[in-house]
Structure formats: C-alpha cells, structure tokens
Amino acid sequence: MKNKKDWIYKKAREKWNSMRERCGKHDAYIDVTIREDWLDFVNFEKWFREQVNDGWYDTSWEIDKDIIGKATRIYSPDHCAFVPKPLNILFSKAFNRRNIYSTSRGAYRVMSSNGEDFGYDIFCAKILYDGKVIFHEEFDYELFAFFEYNWAFEKFIQEKAEELKDKLNPKMYDALMSYRVLPMG
C-alpha cells in the first residue's frame, strides 16, 4: 500500500502533466501559458502539497486559473485553486460562450430546431450545472436576457461558494463571493 506522500506526489504529477499538455495545444488553451517557476515540477508540487495539507483539495476537483485570476490566461500560484469539476465547467462555458448575434455573455438568440430564424427575436438566459438546467428564461430583448443571466449566475455562484466554504481555498471563496459577470467575459 502506498503512503500519503506517494499519493500526493502522484496526483501532483498527474495535474502538472495535464496542465502542461493543455497549454498551447488545444483550441481553448492556445494562448494559455504557465508561469516560469511552475514549469519546474518541484515548485508546482510544493504548491499542490499546500493545497492538500490545508484541506483545499478533493480528488475529484480540478485546478482552475480563471476565477481568482478573472479569466487570466496564465497558470500560477497567484491565480490557481481547486474547485469541483461542475463549477469549473460552469465557468469555462460561461467564459467561452459568445453569442454570434451580439457580444453579450449568457444571453443568446434562440433558433428553431432546424436552425432557421423564427422570424422574430427570442433571447434565452440559461445556466447549466452538472448536467442540469438550473436557470432558463426567454426574453424579447437581449439586454433583458443578459441582465437576468447576470443576476442568476452571480446568485448561484454565491450559493455554491457558501455551500463549499469549508472546502474551498479562501482566495477561491472570496473570488466566488465577489464575482461579477461582465458583458465580454
């Protein structure tokens, strides 16, 4: 049986390798970099051990660079913390969803099931979490949908932060509690 040190080392190596593999290779990570000191595994492992020892790590959680760093494109100890996978996915979808009809985030034009225009505008504000629709409203105006999305997204994020408060890194908790949706990201 492996001891705790071996387990932490193995997980740290796995997360470090995964982070390095994504950067610059996948479309969503083409301009993402890793801070120079984290290119050395020893430095990353030290940070990882601090997360484990302080209780801010769960084996099913993922490393996130976007929430604390406000959509930063750099992996670093200043911007990274662990979050539940569904929360990480929620933020990555929110950061990457761009409406082809306009620049708003979270509000998008609804098309008919065959992809054609309805002949009039319907805008949807929708939030999915862990495969479930947690918020869905339709509006005649994009701006209404965007503001309703803002309110619902921020409220949900704060509720999740409170629910996970004892498990989250304090920097992540603070970032979630103060998070505000911006039109462009």
Protein backbone atom coordinates (compact mmCIF):
# COMPACT_ATOMS: atom_id res chain seq x y z
CA MET A 1 0.00 0.00 0.00
CA LYS A 2 1.30 3.45 -0.91
CA ASN A 3 1.72 6.04 1.77
CA LYS A 4 0.15 9.53 1.65
CA LYS A 5 3.36 11.14 0.36
CA ASP A 6 3.42 8.84 -2.68
CA TRP A 7 -0.26 9.56 -3.35
CA ILE A 8 0.25 13.32 -3.21
CA TYR A 9 3.31 13.15 -5.45
CA LYS A 10 1.46 11.01 -8.00
CA LYS A 11 -1.59 13.32 -8.07
CA ALA A 12 0.58 16.43 -8.28
CA ARG A 13 2.49 14.92 -11.21
CA GLU A 14 -0.79 13.99 -12.92
CA LYS A 15 -2.23 17.52 -12.54
CA TRP A 16 1.06 19.14 -13.62
CA ASN A 17 1.32 16.95 -16.73
CA SER A 18 -2.31 17.61 -17.63
CA MET A 19 -1.83 21.36 -17.25
CA ARG A 20 1.29 21.30 -19.45
CA GLU A 21 -0.40 19.15 -22.10
CA ARG A 22 -3.34 21.56 -22.46
CA CYS A 23 -1.34 24.77 -22.79
CA GLY A 24 -0.84 25.85 -26.38
CA LYS A 25 -2.20 22.61 -27.80
CA HIS A 26 -5.99 22.67 -27.51
CA ASP A 27 -8.07 25.44 -29.10
CA ALA A 28 -9.34 26.83 -25.80
CA TYR A 29 -5.77 26.85 -24.41
CA ILE A 30 -3.85 28.09 -27.44
CA ASP A 31 -2.78 31.31 -25.69
CA VAL A 32 -2.59 29.88 -22.15
CA THR A 33 0.82 29.75 -20.50
CA ILE A 34 2.34 28.51 -17.27
CA ARG A 35 4.31 30.85 -15.05
CA GLU A 36 8.01 30.10 -15.39
CA ASP A 37 8.55 28.83 -11.85
CA TRP A 38 5.72 26.29 -12.33
CA LEU A 39 7.48 24.79 -15.33
CA ASP A 40 9.68 23.17 -12.68
CA PHE A 41 7.63 20.34 -11.17
CA VAL A 42 9.23 20.80 -7.73
CA ASN A 43 7.65 24.25 -7.41
CA PHE A 44 4.25 23.04 -8.58
CA GLU A 45 4.41 20.06 -6.22
CA LYS A 46 5.14 22.37 -3.27
CA TRP A 47 2.04 24.44 -4.08
CA PHE A 48 -0.02 21.26 -4.58
CA ARG A 49 1.05 19.89 -1.18
CA GLU A 50 -0.05 23.12 0.48
CA GLN A 51 -3.50 22.71 -1.10
CA VAL A 52 -3.75 19.12 0.15
CA ASN A 53 -2.43 19.86 3.63
CA ASP A 54 -4.74 22.83 4.11
CA GLY A 55 -7.73 20.74 3.02
CA TRP A 56 -8.38 22.69 -0.19
CA TYR A 57 -8.13 19.67 -2.44
CA ASP A 58 -10.52 16.88 -3.26
CA THR A 59 -9.50 14.09 -5.66
CA SER A 60 -12.46 14.85 -7.94
CA TRP A 61 -11.72 18.59 -8.09
CA GLU A 62 -9.92 20.39 -10.91
CA ILE A 63 -7.34 23.14 -10.97
CA ASP A 64 -8.83 26.47 -12.05
CA LYS A 65 -6.96 29.58 -13.19
CA ASP A 66 -9.89 31.70 -14.39
CA ILE A 67 -11.96 32.50 -11.33
CA ILE A 68 -9.39 34.03 -8.97
CA GLY A 69 -7.45 35.50 -11.90
CA LYS A 70 -10.56 36.95 -13.59
CA ALA A 71 -10.17 34.93 -16.83
CA THR A 72 -6.39 35.00 -16.73
CA ARG A 73 -4.51 33.03 -19.36
CA ILE A 74 -1.65 32.08 -17.01
CA TYR A 75 -1.41 29.15 -14.62
CA SER A 76 0.30 30.39 -11.47
CA PRO A 77 0.02 30.04 -7.69
CA ASP A 78 -1.47 33.54 -7.57
CA HIS A 79 -4.45 32.59 -9.73
CA CYS A 80 -5.00 28.88 -9.19
CA ALA A 81 -7.07 26.87 -6.76
CA PHE A 82 -9.10 23.68 -6.87
CA VAL A 83 -12.84 23.65 -7.49
CA PRO A 84 -15.45 20.93 -8.09
CA LYS A 85 -15.48 19.84 -11.73
CA PRO A 86 -19.08 21.03 -12.39
CA LEU A 87 -18.18 24.51 -11.10
CA ASN A 88 -15.07 24.61 -13.28
CA ILE A 89 -17.15 23.58 -16.30
CA LEU A 90 -19.78 26.21 -15.48
CA PHE A 91 -17.15 28.93 -15.54
CA SER A 92 -15.38 27.63 -18.64
CA LYS A 93 -18.67 27.53 -20.55
CA ALA A 94 -19.56 31.00 -19.30
CA PHE A 95 -16.16 32.40 -20.32
CA ASN A 96 -16.28 30.75 -23.74
CA ARG A 97 -19.94 31.28 -24.71
CA ARG A 98 -20.10 34.08 -27.19
CA ASN A 99 -23.27 34.97 -28.95
CA ILE A 100 -22.92 35.11 -32.73
CA TYR A 101 -25.73 37.65 -32.74
CA SER A 102 -24.03 40.06 -30.35
CA THR A 103 -21.31 40.40 -27.72
CA SER A 104 -23.30 39.56 -24.58
CA ARG A 105 -22.36 36.64 -22.43
CA GLY A 106 -25.06 34.34 -21.12
CA ALA A 107 -27.78 35.71 -23.39
CA TYR A 108 -28.11 34.19 -26.80
CA ARG A 109 -30.50 34.23 -29.72
CA VAL A 110 -32.76 31.20 -29.89
CA MET A 111 -33.11 29.49 -33.25
CA SER A 112 -35.77 26.99 -34.31
CA SER A 113 -34.99 23.28 -34.08
CA ASN A 114 -33.96 23.20 -37.75
CA GLY A 115 -31.56 26.12 -37.21
CA GLU A 116 -33.66 28.68 -39.03
CA ASP A 117 -34.78 32.04 -37.73
CA PHE A 118 -38.18 32.21 -36.06
CA GLY A 119 -38.74 35.47 -37.94
CA TYR A 120 -38.57 37.39 -34.67
CA ASP A 121 -36.05 37.58 -31.88
CA ILE A 122 -36.15 35.39 -28.80
CA PHE A 123 -33.26 35.61 -26.39
CA CYS A 124 -32.53 32.99 -23.81
CA ALA A 125 -30.74 33.26 -20.47
CA LYS A 126 -29.72 29.75 -19.44
CA ILE A 127 -27.41 28.22 -16.84
CA LEU A 128 -26.47 24.53 -16.75
CA TYR A 129 -24.77 22.98 -13.74
CA ASP A 130 -23.70 19.37 -13.51
CA GLY A 131 -25.85 18.44 -16.49
CA LYS A 132 -28.99 20.09 -15.11
CA VAL A 133 -30.71 23.29 -16.15
CA ILE A 134 -30.73 25.47 -13.05
CA PHE A 135 -31.99 28.60 -14.76
CA HIS A 136 -33.82 29.19 -18.05
CA GLU A 137 -35.81 32.22 -19.13
CA GLU A 138 -36.68 33.65 -22.54
CA PHE A 139 -36.99 37.33 -23.40
CA ASP A 140 -37.90 39.56 -26.32
CA TYR A 141 -34.77 41.67 -25.81
CA GLU A 142 -31.19 40.54 -25.49
CA LEU A 143 -30.39 43.11 -22.82
CA PHE A 144 -33.17 41.76 -20.58
CA ALA A 145 -31.82 38.23 -21.02
CA PHE A 146 -28.30 39.37 -20.26
CA PHE A 147 -29.27 41.17 -17.03
CA GLU A 148 -31.37 38.24 -15.87
CA TYR A 149 -28.47 35.89 -16.63
CA ASN A 150 -26.13 38.14 -14.60
CA TRP A 151 -28.42 38.08 -11.60
CA ALA A 152 -28.99 34.31 -11.74
CA PHE A 153 -25.33 33.42 -12.38
CA GLU A 154 -23.98 35.62 -9.57
CA LYS A 155 -26.63 34.39 -7.12
CA PHE A 156 -25.92 30.74 -7.96
CA ILE A 157 -22.16 31.21 -7.65
CA GLN A 158 -22.56 32.81 -4.22
CA GLU A 159 -24.84 29.98 -3.07
CA LYS A 160 -22.25 27.41 -4.24
CA ALA A 161 -19.46 29.32 -2.50
CA GLU A 162 -21.40 29.27 0.77
CA GLU A 163 -22.17 25.58 0.35
CA LEU A 164 -18.47 24.77 -0.22
CA LYS A 165 -16.98 27.39 2.10
CA ASP A 166 -15.27 24.89 4.42
CA LYS A 167 -13.63 23.08 1.49
CA LEU A 168 -12.59 25.99 -0.72
CA ASN A 169 -9.28 27.81 -0.62
CA PRO A 170 -10.11 31.21 1.00
CA LYS A 171 -8.90 33.04 -2.12
CA MET A 172 -11.32 30.99 -4.22
CA TYR A 173 -14.18 31.57 -1.79
CA ASP A 174 -13.58 35.34 -1.86
CA ALA A 175 -13.35 35.35 -5.66
CA LEU A 176 -16.64 33.47 -5.96
CA MET A 177 -18.42 35.72 -3.48
CA SER A 178 -17.27 38.88 -5.26
CA TYR A 179 -17.61 37.56 -8.82
CA ARG A 180 -19.48 39.82 -11.24
CA VAL A 181 -20.49 38.98 -14.80
CA LEU A 182 -19.18 41.36 -17.43
CA PRO A 183 -20.60 41.62 -20.96
CA MET A 184 -17.38 40.48 -22.59
CA GLY A 185 -16.19 37.94 -20.02
